[in-house]
Amino acid sequence: MSWSMGALVGSLGFVVRLAVLSLLLGSNLWVVMTNAAARMLGWLLTVLEPVLGLSLAPTIVQVQVMAAVLILLQNIVYTLTLHIVSYWIFPRLGNPVSEPPEPLRPLVALDPL
């Protein structure tokens, strides 16, 4: 629950920051995101072309969805990293934390400290 909410709130916050920064700079930064998504989607389709035997070109809807997926993926990685670090650090600070969820236990068990 906290991972999904953290990723969703982080993604919405990123979109708001992107909009505010676009206004302050006088430039549309969403274009930068869609260019990155278009390049990634183009690369993915060129890899899949020999496998599928089709000549594929990304559509604008696919590029926009890929941009949204990239933002969400970035925030999922950030949220998971934040959880892992908190499970490592908080017990050392004397602040008790509940046991980590099952998917994080192998990562927390690799305690570098």
PDB file of N, CA and C in Angstrom:
ATOM      1  N   MET A   1       0.822  -1.191   0.000  1.00  0.00           N
ATOM      2  CA  MET A   1       0.000   0.000   0.000  1.00  0.00           C
ATOM      3  C   MET A   1       0.865   1.254   0.000  1.00  0.00           C
ATOM      4  N   SER A   2       1.873   1.304   0.857  1.00  0.00           N
ATOM      5  CA  SER A   2       2.693   2.513   0.921  1.00  0.00           C
ATOM      6  C   SER A   2       3.562   2.658  -0.325  1.00  0.00           C
ATOM      7  N   TRP A   3       3.960   1.532  -0.944  1.00  0.00           N
ATOM      8  CA  TRP A   3       4.762   1.628  -2.169  1.00  0.00           C
ATOM      9  C   TRP A   3       3.946   2.236  -3.292  1.00  0.00           C
ATOM     10  N   SER A   4       2.726   1.737  -3.465  1.00  0.00           N
ATOM     11  CA  SER A   4       1.905   2.247  -4.565  1.00  0.00           C
ATOM     12  C   SER A   4       1.518   3.702  -4.330  1.00  0.00           C
ATOM     13  N   MET A   5       1.167   4.036  -3.103  1.00  0.00           N
ATOM     14  CA  MET A   5       0.816   5.434  -2.815  1.00  0.00           C
ATOM     15  C   MET A   5       2.038   6.335  -2.938  1.00  0.00           C
ATOM     16  N   GLY A   6       3.189   5.870  -2.486  1.00  0.00           N
ATOM     17  CA  GLY A   6       4.409   6.655  -2.611  1.00  0.00           C
ATOM     18  C   GLY A   6       4.775   6.899  -4.064  1.00  0.00           C
ATOM     19  N   ALA A   7       4.641   5.870  -4.887  1.00  0.00           N
ATOM     20  CA  ALA A   7       4.949   6.025  -6.310  1.00  0.00           C
ATOM     21  C   ALA A   7       3.945   6.945  -6.991  1.00  0.00           C
ATOM     22  N   LEU A   8       2.675   6.831  -6.622  1.00  0.00           N
ATOM     23  CA  LEU A   8       1.647   7.679  -7.233  1.00  0.00           C
ATOM     24  C   LEU A   8       1.815   9.136  -6.822  1.00  0.00           C
ATOM     25  N   VAL A   9       2.013   9.384  -5.547  1.00  0.00           N
ATOM     26  CA  VAL A   9       2.201  10.762  -5.071  1.00  0.00           C
ATOM     27  C   VAL A   9       3.491  11.348  -5.645  1.00  0.00           C
ATOM     28  N   GLY A  10       4.541  10.548  -5.703  1.00  0.00           N
ATOM     29  CA  GLY A  10       5.793  11.013  -6.289  1.00  0.00           C
ATOM     30  C   GLY A  10       5.650  11.344  -7.766  1.00  0.00           C
ATOM     31  N   SER A  11       4.887  10.532  -8.489  1.00  0.00           N
ATOM     32  CA  SER A  11       4.663  10.797  -9.914  1.00  0.00           C
ATOM     33  C   SER A  11       3.869  12.074 -10.121  1.00  0.00           C
ATOM     34  N   LEU A  12       2.838  12.261  -9.320  1.00  0.00           N
ATOM     35  CA  LEU A  12       2.057  13.498  -9.427  1.00  0.00           C
ATOM     36  C   LEU A  12       2.911  14.706  -9.059  1.00  0.00           C
ATOM     37  N   GLY A  13       3.743  14.559  -8.045  1.00  0.00           N
ATOM     38  CA  GLY A  13       4.646  15.641  -7.671  1.00  0.00           C
ATOM     39  C   GLY A  13       5.642  15.959  -8.771  1.00  0.00           C
ATOM     40  N   PHE A  14       6.121  14.930  -9.460  1.00  0.00           N
ATOM     41  CA  PHE A  14       7.048  15.155 -10.568  1.00  0.00           C
ATOM     42  C   PHE A  14       6.375  15.922 -11.699  1.00  0.00           C
ATOM     43  N   VAL A  15       5.132  15.565 -12.003  1.00  0.00           N
ATOM     44  CA  VAL A  15       4.403  16.260 -13.068  1.00  0.00           C
ATOM     45  C   VAL A  15       4.174  17.722 -12.687  1.00  0.00           C
ATOM     46  N   VAL A  16       3.841  17.979 -11.419  1.00  0.00           N
ATOM     47  CA  VAL A  16       3.649  19.368 -10.972  1.00  0.00           C
ATOM     48  C   VAL A  16       4.967  20.136 -11.055  1.00  0.00           C
ATOM     49  N   ARG A  17       6.060  19.526 -10.591  1.00  0.00           N
ATOM     50  CA  ARG A  17       7.371  20.188 -10.693  1.00  0.00           C
ATOM     51  C   ARG A  17       7.742  20.463 -12.139  1.00  0.00           C
ATOM     52  N   LEU A  18       7.439  19.519 -13.018  1.00  0.00           N
ATOM     53  CA  LEU A  18       7.725  19.693 -14.438  1.00  0.00           C
ATOM     54  C   LEU A  18       6.924  20.859 -15.012  1.00  0.00           C
ATOM     55  N   ALA A  19       5.649  20.966 -14.622  1.00  0.00           N
ATOM     56  CA  ALA A  19       4.808  22.057 -15.116  1.00  0.00           C
ATOM     57  C   ALA A  19       5.286  23.403 -14.590  1.00  0.00           C
ATOM     58  N   VAL A  20       5.603  23.477 -13.308  1.00  0.00           N
ATOM     59  CA  VAL A  20       6.057  24.748 -12.724  1.00  0.00           C
ATOM     60  C   VAL A  20       7.400  25.161 -13.325  1.00  0.00           C
ATOM     61  N   LEU A  21       8.303  24.215 -13.466  1.00  0.00           N
ATOM     62  CA  LEU A  21       9.598  24.533 -14.062  1.00  0.00           C
ATOM     63  C   LEU A  21       9.448  24.950 -15.524  1.00  0.00           C
ATOM     64  N   SER A  22       8.511  24.333 -16.233  1.00  0.00           N
ATOM     65  CA  SER A  22       8.244  24.741 -17.614  1.00  0.00           C
ATOM     66  C   SER A  22       7.755  26.177 -17.670  1.00  0.00           C
ATOM     67  N   LEU A  23       6.881  26.540 -16.737  1.00  0.00           N
ATOM     68  CA  LEU A  23       6.396  27.924 -16.697  1.00  0.00           C
ATOM     69  C   LEU A  23       7.519  28.899 -16.369  1.00  0.00           C
ATOM     70  N   LEU A  24       8.363  28.546 -15.414  1.00  0.00           N
ATOM     71  CA  LEU A  24       9.447  29.437 -15.023  1.00  0.00           C
ATOM     72  C   LEU A  24      10.490  29.608 -16.126  1.00  0.00           C
ATOM     73  N   LEU A  25      10.747  28.542 -16.872  1.00  0.00           N
ATOM     74  CA  LEU A  25      11.747  28.614 -17.930  1.00  0.00           C
ATOM     75  C   LEU A  25      11.185  29.140 -19.245  1.00  0.00           C
ATOM     76  N   GLY A  26       9.861  29.120 -19.376  1.00  0.00           N
ATOM     77  CA  GLY A  26       9.248  29.538 -20.630  1.00  0.00           C
ATOM     78  C   GLY A  26       9.449  28.520 -21.737  1.00  0.00           C
ATOM     79  N   SER A  27       9.630  27.287 -21.359  1.00  0.00           N
ATOM     80  CA  SER A  27       9.873  26.213 -22.318  1.00  0.00           C
ATOM     81  C   SER A  27       9.069  24.997 -21.877  1.00  0.00           C
ATOM     82  N   ASN A  28       8.594  24.217 -22.835  1.00  0.00           N
ATOM     83  CA  ASN A  28       7.792  23.047 -22.523  1.00  0.00           C
ATOM     84  C   ASN A  28       8.718  21.859 -22.262  1.00  0.00           C
ATOM     85  N   LEU A  29       8.892  21.515 -20.992  1.00  0.00           N
ATOM     86  CA  LEU A  29       9.781  20.413 -20.634  1.00  0.00           C
ATOM     87  C   LEU A  29       9.146  19.045 -20.851  1.00  0.00           C
ATOM     88  N   TRP A  30       7.829  19.005 -21.071  1.00  0.00           N
ATOM     89  CA  TRP A  30       7.182  17.731 -21.376  1.00  0.00           C
ATOM     90  C   TRP A  30       7.714  17.198 -22.707  1.00  0.00           C
ATOM     91  N   VAL A  31       8.137  18.102 -23.586  1.00  0.00           N
ATOM     92  CA  VAL A  31       8.724  17.696 -24.862  1.00  0.00           C
ATOM     93  C   VAL A  31       9.999  16.894 -24.624  1.00  0.00           C
ATOM     94  N   VAL A  32      10.781  17.284 -23.634  1.00  0.00           N
ATOM     95  CA  VAL A  32      12.000  16.543 -23.304  1.00  0.00           C
ATOM     96  C   VAL A  32      11.638  15.129 -22.858  1.00  0.00           C
ATOM     97  N   MET A  33      10.597  15.016 -22.027  1.00  0.00           N
ATOM     98  CA  MET A  33      10.154  13.691 -21.568  1.00  0.00           C
ATOM     99  C   MET A  33       9.650  12.845 -22.731  1.00  0.00           C
ATOM    100  N   THR A  34       8.858  13.452 -23.616  1.00  0.00           N
ATOM    101  CA  THR A  34       8.326  12.673 -24.736  1.00  0.00           C
ATOM    102  C   THR A  34       9.427  12.301 -25.726  1.00  0.00           C
ATOM    103  N   ASN A  35      10.443  13.151 -25.882  1.00  0.00           N
ATOM    104  CA  ASN A  35      11.576  12.782 -26.746  1.00  0.00           C
ATOM    105  C   ASN A  35      12.323  11.586 -26.175  1.00  0.00           C
ATOM    106  N   ALA A  36      12.544  11.584 -24.865  1.00  0.00           N
ATOM    107  CA  ALA A  36      13.212  10.444 -24.230  1.00  0.00           C
ATOM    108  C   ALA A  36      12.371   9.181 -24.371  1.00  0.00           C
ATOM    109  N   ALA A  37      11.066   9.316 -24.180  1.00  0.00           N
ATOM    110  CA  ALA A  37      10.178   8.161 -24.317  1.00  0.00           C
ATOM    111  C   ALA A  37      10.137   7.679 -25.760  1.00  0.00           C
ATOM    112  N   ALA A  38      10.139   8.605 -26.722  1.00  0.00           N
ATOM    113  CA  ALA A  38      10.114   8.220 -28.134  1.00  0.00           C
ATOM    114  C   ALA A  38      11.394   7.487 -28.524  1.00  0.00           C
ATOM    115  N   ARG A  39      12.537   7.965 -28.034  1.00  0.00           N
ATOM    116  CA  ARG A  39      13.796   7.275 -28.328  1.00  0.00           C
ATOM    117  C   ARG A  39      13.811   5.875 -27.714  1.00  0.00           C
ATOM    118  N   MET A  40      13.339   5.765 -26.471  1.00  0.00           N
ATOM    119  CA  MET A  40      13.322   4.458 -25.822  1.00  0.00           C
ATOM    120  C   MET A  40      12.354   3.507 -26.524  1.00  0.00           C
ATOM    121  N   LEU A  41      11.193   4.011 -26.885  1.00  0.00           N
ATOM    122  CA  LEU A  41      10.208   3.187 -27.576  1.00  0.00           C
ATOM    123  C   LEU A  41      10.706   2.807 -28.967  1.00  0.00           C
ATOM    124  N   GLY A  42      11.368   3.736 -29.656  1.00  0.00           N
ATOM    125  CA  GLY A  42      11.942   3.421 -30.966  1.00  0.00           C
ATOM    126  C   GLY A  42      12.999   2.341 -30.869  1.00  0.00           C
ATOM    127  N   TRP A  43      13.855   2.431 -29.841  1.00  0.00           N
ATOM    128  CA  TRP A  43      14.868   1.401 -29.633  1.00  0.00           C
ATOM    129  C   TRP A  43      14.215   0.053 -29.344  1.00  0.00           C
ATOM    130  N   LEU A  44      13.189   0.064 -28.506  1.00  0.00           N
ATOM    131  CA  LEU A  44      12.496  -1.176 -28.157  1.00  0.00           C
ATOM    132  C   LEU A  44      11.846  -1.805 -29.385  1.00  0.00           C
ATOM    133  N   LEU A  45      11.254  -0.977 -30.235  1.00  0.00           N
ATOM    134  CA  LEU A  45      10.611  -1.506 -31.438  1.00  0.00           C
ATOM    135  C   LEU A  45      11.634  -2.013 -32.448  1.00  0.00           C
ATOM    136  N   THR A  46      12.807  -1.379 -32.537  1.00  0.00           N
ATOM    137  CA  THR A  46      13.835  -1.900 -33.450  1.00  0.00           C
ATOM    138  C   THR A  46      14.379  -3.235 -32.965  1.00  0.00           C
ATOM    139  N   VAL A  47      14.393  -3.434 -31.660  1.00  0.00           N
ATOM    140  CA  VAL A  47      14.812  -4.733 -31.126  1.00  0.00           C
ATOM    141  C   VAL A  47      13.749  -5.788 -31.417  1.00  0.00           C
ATOM    142  N   LEU A  48      12.480  -5.400 -31.356  1.00  0.00           N
ATOM    143  CA  LEU A  48      11.392  -6.357 -31.565  1.00  0.00           C
ATOM    144  C   LEU A  48      11.086  -6.624 -33.036  1.00  0.00           C
ATOM    145  N   GLU A  49      11.509  -5.744 -33.948  1.00  0.00           N
ATOM    146  CA  GLU A  49      11.202  -5.926 -35.369  1.00  0.00           C
ATOM    147  C   GLU A  49      11.692  -7.259 -35.925  1.00  0.00           C
ATOM    148  N   PRO A  50      12.950  -7.661 -35.686  1.00  0.00           N
ATOM    149  CA  PRO A  50      13.379  -8.961 -36.223  1.00  0.00           C
ATOM    150  C   PRO A  50      12.634 -10.135 -35.591  1.00  0.00           C
ATOM    151  N   VAL A  51      12.269  -9.991 -34.334  1.00  0.00           N
ATOM    152  CA  VAL A  51      11.573 -11.079 -33.646  1.00  0.00           C
ATOM    153  C   VAL A  51      10.159 -11.238 -34.188  1.00  0.00           C
ATOM    154  N   LEU A  52       9.461 -10.119 -34.356  1.00  0.00           N
ATOM    155  CA  LEU A  52       8.077 -10.160 -34.816  1.00  0.00           C
ATOM    156  C   LEU A  52       7.958 -10.196 -36.332  1.00  0.00           C
ATOM    157  N   GLY A  53       8.985  -9.753 -37.029  1.00  0.00           N
ATOM    158  CA  GLY A  53       8.929  -9.722 -38.481  1.00  0.00           C
ATOM    159  C   GLY A  53       8.043  -8.613 -39.010  1.00  0.00           C
ATOM    160  N   LEU A  54       7.813  -7.587 -38.217  1.00  0.00           N
ATOM    161  CA  LEU A  54       6.967  -6.468 -38.612  1.00  0.00           C
ATOM    162  C   LEU A  54       7.776  -5.183 -38.581  1.00  0.00           C
ATOM    163  N   SER A  55       7.385  -4.249 -39.425  1.00  0.00           N
ATOM    164  CA  SER A  55       7.985  -2.918 -39.376  1.00  0.00           C
ATOM    165  C   SER A  55       7.076  -2.049 -38.517  1.00  0.00           C
ATOM    166  N   LEU A  56       7.565  -1.678 -37.348  1.00  0.00           N
ATOM    167  CA  LEU A  56       6.738  -0.958 -36.390  1.00  0.00           C
ATOM    168  C   LEU A  56       7.241   0.462 -36.208  1.00  0.00           C
ATOM    169  N   ALA A  57       6.314   1.387 -36.033  1.00  0.00           N
ATOM    170  CA  ALA A  57       6.653   2.780 -35.738  1.00  0.00           C
ATOM    171  C   ALA A  57       5.793   3.221 -34.560  1.00  0.00           C
ATOM    172  N   PRO A  58       6.378   3.926 -33.595  1.00  0.00           N
ATOM    173  CA  PRO A  58       5.592   4.345 -32.425  1.00  0.00           C
ATOM    174  C   PRO A  58       4.585   5.435 -32.786  1.00  0.00           C
ATOM    175  N   THR A  59       3.414   5.344 -32.187  1.00  0.00           N
ATOM    176  CA  THR A  59       2.398   6.379 -32.356  1.00  0.00           C
ATOM    177  C   THR A  59       2.528   7.376 -31.212  1.00  0.00           C
ATOM    178  N   ILE A  60       1.854   8.509 -31.350  1.00  0.00           N
ATOM    179  CA  ILE A  60       1.931   9.542 -30.311  1.00  0.00           C
ATOM    180  C   ILE A  60       1.336   9.044 -28.996  1.00  0.00           C
ATOM    181  N   VAL A  61       0.298   8.229 -29.067  1.00  0.00           N
ATOM    182  CA  VAL A  61      -0.310   7.692 -27.839  1.00  0.00           C
ATOM    183  C   VAL A  61       0.674   6.761 -27.136  1.00  0.00           C
ATOM    184  N   GLN A  62       1.362   5.925 -27.907  1.00  0.00           N
ATOM    185  CA  GLN A  62       2.346   5.023 -27.313  1.00  0.00           C
ATOM    186  C   GLN A  62       3.491   5.798 -26.666  1.00  0.00           C
ATOM    187  N   VAL A  63       3.900   6.886 -27.300  1.00  0.00           N
ATOM    188  CA  VAL A  63       4.985   7.700 -26.749  1.00  0.00           C
ATOM    189  C   VAL A  63       4.546   8.368 -25.452  1.00  0.00           C
ATOM    190  N   GLN A  64       3.320   8.893 -25.408  1.00  0.00           N
ATOM    191  CA  GLN A  64       2.823   9.535 -24.190  1.00  0.00           C
ATOM    192  C   GLN A  64       2.681   8.521 -23.053  1.00  0.00           C
ATOM    193  N   VAL A  65       2.191   7.329 -23.385  1.00  0.00           N
ATOM    194  CA  VAL A  65       2.061   6.280 -22.364  1.00  0.00           C
ATOM    195  C   VAL A  65       3.443   5.866 -21.861  1.00  0.00           C
ATOM    196  N   MET A  66       4.409   5.776 -22.771  1.00  0.00           N
ATOM    197  CA  MET A  66       5.771   5.417 -22.367  1.00  0.00           C
ATOM    198  C   MET A  66       6.369   6.484 -21.459  1.00  0.00           C
ATOM    199  N   ALA A  67       6.091   7.759 -21.730  1.00  0.00           N
ATOM    200  CA  ALA A  67       6.582   8.837 -20.862  1.00  0.00           C
ATOM    201  C   ALA A  67       5.985   8.702 -19.464  1.00  0.00           C
ATOM    202  N   ALA A  68       4.688   8.414 -19.391  1.00  0.00           N
ATOM    203  CA  ALA A  68       4.042   8.232 -18.089  1.00  0.00           C
ATOM    204  C   ALA A  68       4.604   7.008 -17.368  1.00  0.00           C
ATOM    205  N   VAL A  69       4.863   5.935 -18.104  1.00  0.00           N
ATOM    206  CA  VAL A  69       5.430   4.723 -17.505  1.00  0.00           C
ATOM    207  C   VAL A  69       6.840   4.999 -16.984  1.00  0.00           C
ATOM    208  N   LEU A  70       7.626   5.780 -17.723  1.00  0.00           N
ATOM    209  CA  LEU A  70       8.972   6.122 -17.259  1.00  0.00           C
ATOM    210  C   LEU A  70       8.928   6.922 -15.960  1.00  0.00           C
ATOM    211  N   ILE A  71       7.999   7.860 -15.862  1.00  0.00           N
ATOM    212  CA  ILE A  71       7.859   8.649 -14.633  1.00  0.00           C
ATOM    213  C   ILE A  71       7.447   7.748 -13.476  1.00  0.00           C
ATOM    214  N   LEU A  72       6.485   6.864 -13.720  1.00  0.00           N
ATOM    215  CA  LEU A  72       6.026   5.954 -12.670  1.00  0.00           C
ATOM    216  C   LEU A  72       7.140   4.989 -12.258  1.00  0.00           C
ATOM    217  N   LEU A  73       7.882   4.476 -13.223  1.00  0.00           N
ATOM    218  CA  LEU A  73       8.981   3.559 -12.914  1.00  0.00           C
ATOM    219  C   LEU A  73      10.062   4.250 -12.088  1.00  0.00           C
ATOM    220  N   GLN A  74      10.373   5.490 -12.436  1.00  0.00           N
ATOM    221  CA  GLN A  74      11.358   6.256 -11.673  1.00  0.00           C
ATOM    222  C   GLN A  74      10.909   6.399 -10.222  1.00  0.00           C
ATOM    223  N   ASN A  75       9.639   6.669 -10.004  1.00  0.00           N
ATOM    224  CA  ASN A  75       9.150   6.867  -8.648  1.00  0.00           C
ATOM    225  C   ASN A  75       8.999   5.559  -7.886  1.00  0.00           C
ATOM    226  N   ILE A  76       8.751   4.459  -8.571  1.00  0.00           N
ATOM    227  CA  ILE A  76       8.725   3.156  -7.902  1.00  0.00           C
ATOM    228  C   ILE A  76      10.122   2.813  -7.394  1.00  0.00           C
ATOM    229  N   VAL A  77      11.132   3.028  -8.227  1.00  0.00           N
ATOM    230  CA  VAL A  77      12.515   2.763  -7.806  1.00  0.00           C
ATOM    231  C   VAL A  77      12.887   3.659  -6.629  1.00  0.00           C
ATOM    232  N   TYR A  78      12.509   4.926  -6.686  1.00  0.00           N
ATOM    233  CA  TYR A  78      12.810   5.859  -5.594  1.00  0.00           C
ATOM    234  C   TYR A  78      12.125   5.421  -4.297  1.00  0.00           C
ATOM    235  N   THR A  79      10.857   5.036  -4.385  1.00  0.00           N
ATOM    236  CA  THR A  79      10.112   4.620  -3.193  1.00  0.00           C
ATOM    237  C   THR A  79      10.709   3.355  -2.586  1.00  0.00           C
ATOM    238  N   LEU A  80      11.042   2.372  -3.420  1.00  0.00           N
ATOM    239  CA  LEU A  80      11.646   1.147  -2.895  1.00  0.00           C
ATOM    240  C   LEU A  80      13.010   1.426  -2.267  1.00  0.00           C
ATOM    241  N   THR A  81      13.793   2.290  -2.892  1.00  0.00           N
ATOM    242  CA  THR A  81      15.094   2.650  -2.325  1.00  0.00           C
ATOM    243  C   THR A  81      14.933   3.338  -0.980  1.00  0.00           C
ATOM    244  N   LEU A  82      13.970   4.223  -0.886  1.00  0.00           N
ATOM    245  CA  LEU A  82      13.707   4.919   0.370  1.00  0.00           C
ATOM    246  C   LEU A  82      13.305   3.934   1.471  1.00  0.00           C
ATOM    247  N   HIS A  83      12.468   2.953   1.134  1.00  0.00           N
ATOM    248  CA  HIS A  83      12.073   1.949   2.118  1.00  0.00           C
ATOM    249  C   HIS A  83      13.271   1.105   2.560  1.00  0.00           C
ATOM    250  N   ILE A  84      14.093   0.693   1.614  1.00  0.00           N
ATOM    251  CA  ILE A  84      15.251  -0.142   1.957  1.00  0.00           C
ATOM    252  C   ILE A  84      16.207   0.614   2.869  1.00  0.00           C
ATOM    253  N   VAL A  85      16.485   1.863   2.539  1.00  0.00           N
ATOM    254  CA  VAL A  85      17.396   2.664   3.362  1.00  0.00           C
ATOM    255  C   VAL A  85      16.810   2.877   4.754  1.00  0.00           C
ATOM    256  N   SER A  86      15.505   3.098   4.833  1.00  0.00           N
ATOM    257  CA  SER A  86      14.903   3.311   6.155  1.00  0.00           C
ATOM    258  C   SER A  86      14.979   2.046   7.005  1.00  0.00           C
ATOM    259  N   TYR A  87      14.850   0.858   6.407  1.00  0.00           N
ATOM    260  CA  TYR A  87      14.972  -0.379   7.179  1.00  0.00           C
ATOM    261  C   TYR A  87      16.404  -0.622   7.630  1.00  0.00           C
ATOM    262  N   TRP A  88      17.370  -0.048   6.939  1.00  0.00           N
ATOM    263  CA  TRP A  88      18.760  -0.170   7.371  1.00  0.00           C
ATOM    264  C   TRP A  88      19.120   0.856   8.429  1.00  0.00           C
ATOM    265  N   ILE A  89      18.652   2.083   8.273  1.00  0.00           N
ATOM    266  CA  ILE A  89      19.112   3.196   9.102  1.00  0.00           C
ATOM    267  C   ILE A  89      18.330   3.341  10.409  1.00  0.00           C
ATOM    268  N   PHE A  90      17.009   3.263  10.370  1.00  0.00           N
ATOM    269  CA  PHE A  90      16.204   3.552  11.559  1.00  0.00           C
ATOM    270  C   PHE A  90      16.540   2.678  12.759  1.00  0.00           C
ATOM    271  N   PRO A  91      16.767   1.360  12.623  1.00  0.00           N
ATOM    272  CA  PRO A  91      17.149   0.585  13.812  1.00  0.00           C
ATOM    273  C   PRO A  91      18.476   1.054  14.424  1.00  0.00           C
ATOM    274  N   ARG A  92      19.398   1.524  13.611  1.00  0.00           N
ATOM    275  CA  ARG A  92      20.680   2.014  14.122  1.00  0.00           C
ATOM    276  C   ARG A  92      20.527   3.334  14.862  1.00  0.00           C
ATOM    277  N   LEU A  93      19.503   4.080  14.537  1.00  0.00           N
ATOM    278  CA  LEU A  93      19.238   5.347  15.212  1.00  0.00           C
ATOM    279  C   LEU A  93      18.405   5.161  16.475  1.00  0.00           C
ATOM    280  N   GLY A  94      18.026   3.919  16.766  1.00  0.00           N
ATOM    281  CA  GLY A  94      17.234   3.646  17.952  1.00  0.00           C
ATOM    282  C   GLY A  94      15.747   3.856  17.743  1.00  0.00           C
ATOM    283  N   ASN A  95      15.335   4.028  16.507  1.00  0.00           N
ATOM    284  CA  ASN A  95      13.925   4.210  16.192  1.00  0.00           C
ATOM    285  C   ASN A  95      13.388   2.886  15.655  1.00  0.00           C
ATOM    286  N   PRO A  96      12.536   2.201  16.413  1.00  0.00           N
ATOM    287  CA  PRO A  96      12.076   0.890  15.967  1.00  0.00           C
ATOM    288  C   PRO A  96      11.185   0.993  14.727  1.00  0.00           C
ATOM    289  N   VAL A  97      11.367   0.033  13.837  1.00  0.00           N
ATOM    290  CA  VAL A  97      10.589  -0.053  12.605  1.00  0.00           C
ATOM    291  C   VAL A  97      10.026  -1.459  12.534  1.00  0.00           C
ATOM    292  N   SER A  98       8.816  -1.592  12.018  1.00  0.00           N
ATOM    293  CA  SER A  98       8.231  -2.921  11.864  1.00  0.00           C
ATOM    294  C   SER A  98       9.050  -3.725  10.856  1.00  0.00           C
ATOM    295  N   GLU A  99       8.829  -5.008  10.837  1.00  0.00           N
ATOM    296  CA  GLU A  99       9.561  -5.881   9.922  1.00  0.00           C
ATOM    297  C   GLU A  99       9.282  -5.477   8.474  1.00  0.00           C
ATOM    298  N   PRO A 100      10.295  -5.582   7.606  1.00  0.00           N
ATOM    299  CA  PRO A 100      10.070  -5.219   6.205  1.00  0.00           C
ATOM    300  C   PRO A 100       9.144  -6.222   5.523  1.00  0.00           C
ATOM    301  N   PRO A 101       8.465  -5.796   4.483  1.00  0.00           N
ATOM    302  CA  PRO A 101       7.611  -6.721   3.733  1.00  0.00           C
ATOM    303  C   PRO A 101       8.447  -7.837   3.096  1.00  0.00           C
ATOM    304  N   GLU A 102       7.799  -8.900   2.749  1.00  0.00           N
ATOM    305  CA  GLU A 102       8.475 -10.078   2.208  1.00  0.00           C
ATOM    306  C   GLU A 102       9.348  -9.773   0.984  1.00  0.00           C
ATOM    307  N   PRO A 103       8.901  -8.958   0.019  1.00  0.00           N
ATOM    308  CA  PRO A 103       9.770  -8.698  -1.143  1.00  0.00           C
ATOM    309  C   PRO A 103      11.060  -7.952  -0.802  1.00  0.00           C
ATOM    310  N   LEU A 104      11.079  -7.198   0.300  1.00  0.00           N
ATOM    311  CA  LEU A 104      12.274  -6.428   0.655  1.00  0.00           C
ATOM    312  C   LEU A 104      13.220  -7.173   1.586  1.00  0.00           C
ATOM    313  N   ARG A 105      12.783  -8.258   2.177  1.00  0.00           N
ATOM    314  CA  ARG A 105      13.624  -8.961   3.152  1.00  0.00           C
ATOM    315  C   ARG A 105      14.964  -9.419   2.583  1.00  0.00           C
ATOM    316  N   PRO A 106      15.017  -9.975   1.364  1.00  0.00           N
ATOM    317  CA  PRO A 106      16.345 -10.359   0.846  1.00  0.00           C
ATOM    318  C   PRO A 106      17.279  -9.164   0.661  1.00  0.00           C
ATOM    319  N   LEU A 107      16.739  -8.017   0.274  1.00  0.00           N
ATOM    320  CA  LEU A 107      17.580  -6.833   0.082  1.00  0.00           C
ATOM    321  C   LEU A 107      18.047  -6.257   1.405  1.00  0.00           C
ATOM    322  N   VAL A 108      17.179  -6.263   2.402  1.00  0.00           N
ATOM    323  CA  VAL A 108      17.551  -5.736   3.710  1.00  0.00           C
ATOM    324  C   VAL A 108      18.536  -6.679   4.391  1.00  0.00           C
ATOM    325  N   ALA A 109      18.450  -7.973   4.090  1.00  0.00           N
ATOM    326  CA  ALA A 109      19.364  -8.944   4.690  1.00  0.00           C
ATOM    327  C   ALA A 109      20.795  -8.749   4.201  1.00  0.00           C
ATOM    328  N   LEU A 110      20.982  -8.092   3.060  1.00  0.00           N
ATOM    329  CA  LEU A 110      22.317  -7.811   2.535  1.00  0.00           C
ATOM    330  C   LEU A 110      22.858  -6.544   3.168  1.00  0.00           C
ATOM    331  N   ASP A 111      22.854  -6.499   4.466  1.00  0.00           N
ATOM    332  CA  ASP A 111      23.233  -5.304   5.216  1.00  0.00           C
ATOM    333  C   ASP A 111      24.712  -4.987   5.021  1.00  0.00           C
ATOM    334  N   PRO A 112      25.043  -3.843   4.387  1.00  0.00           N
ATOM    335  CA  PRO A 112      26.447  -3.527   4.143  1.00  0.00           C
ATOM    336  C   PRO A 112      27.161  -2.967   5.367  1.00  0.00           C
ATOM    337  N   LEU A 113      26.419  -2.542   6.372  1.00  0.00           N
ATOM    338  CA  LEU A 113      27.045  -1.893   7.525  1.00  0.00           C
ATOM    339  C   LEU A 113      27.377  -2.911   8.548  1.00  0.00           C
TER     340      LEU A 113
END
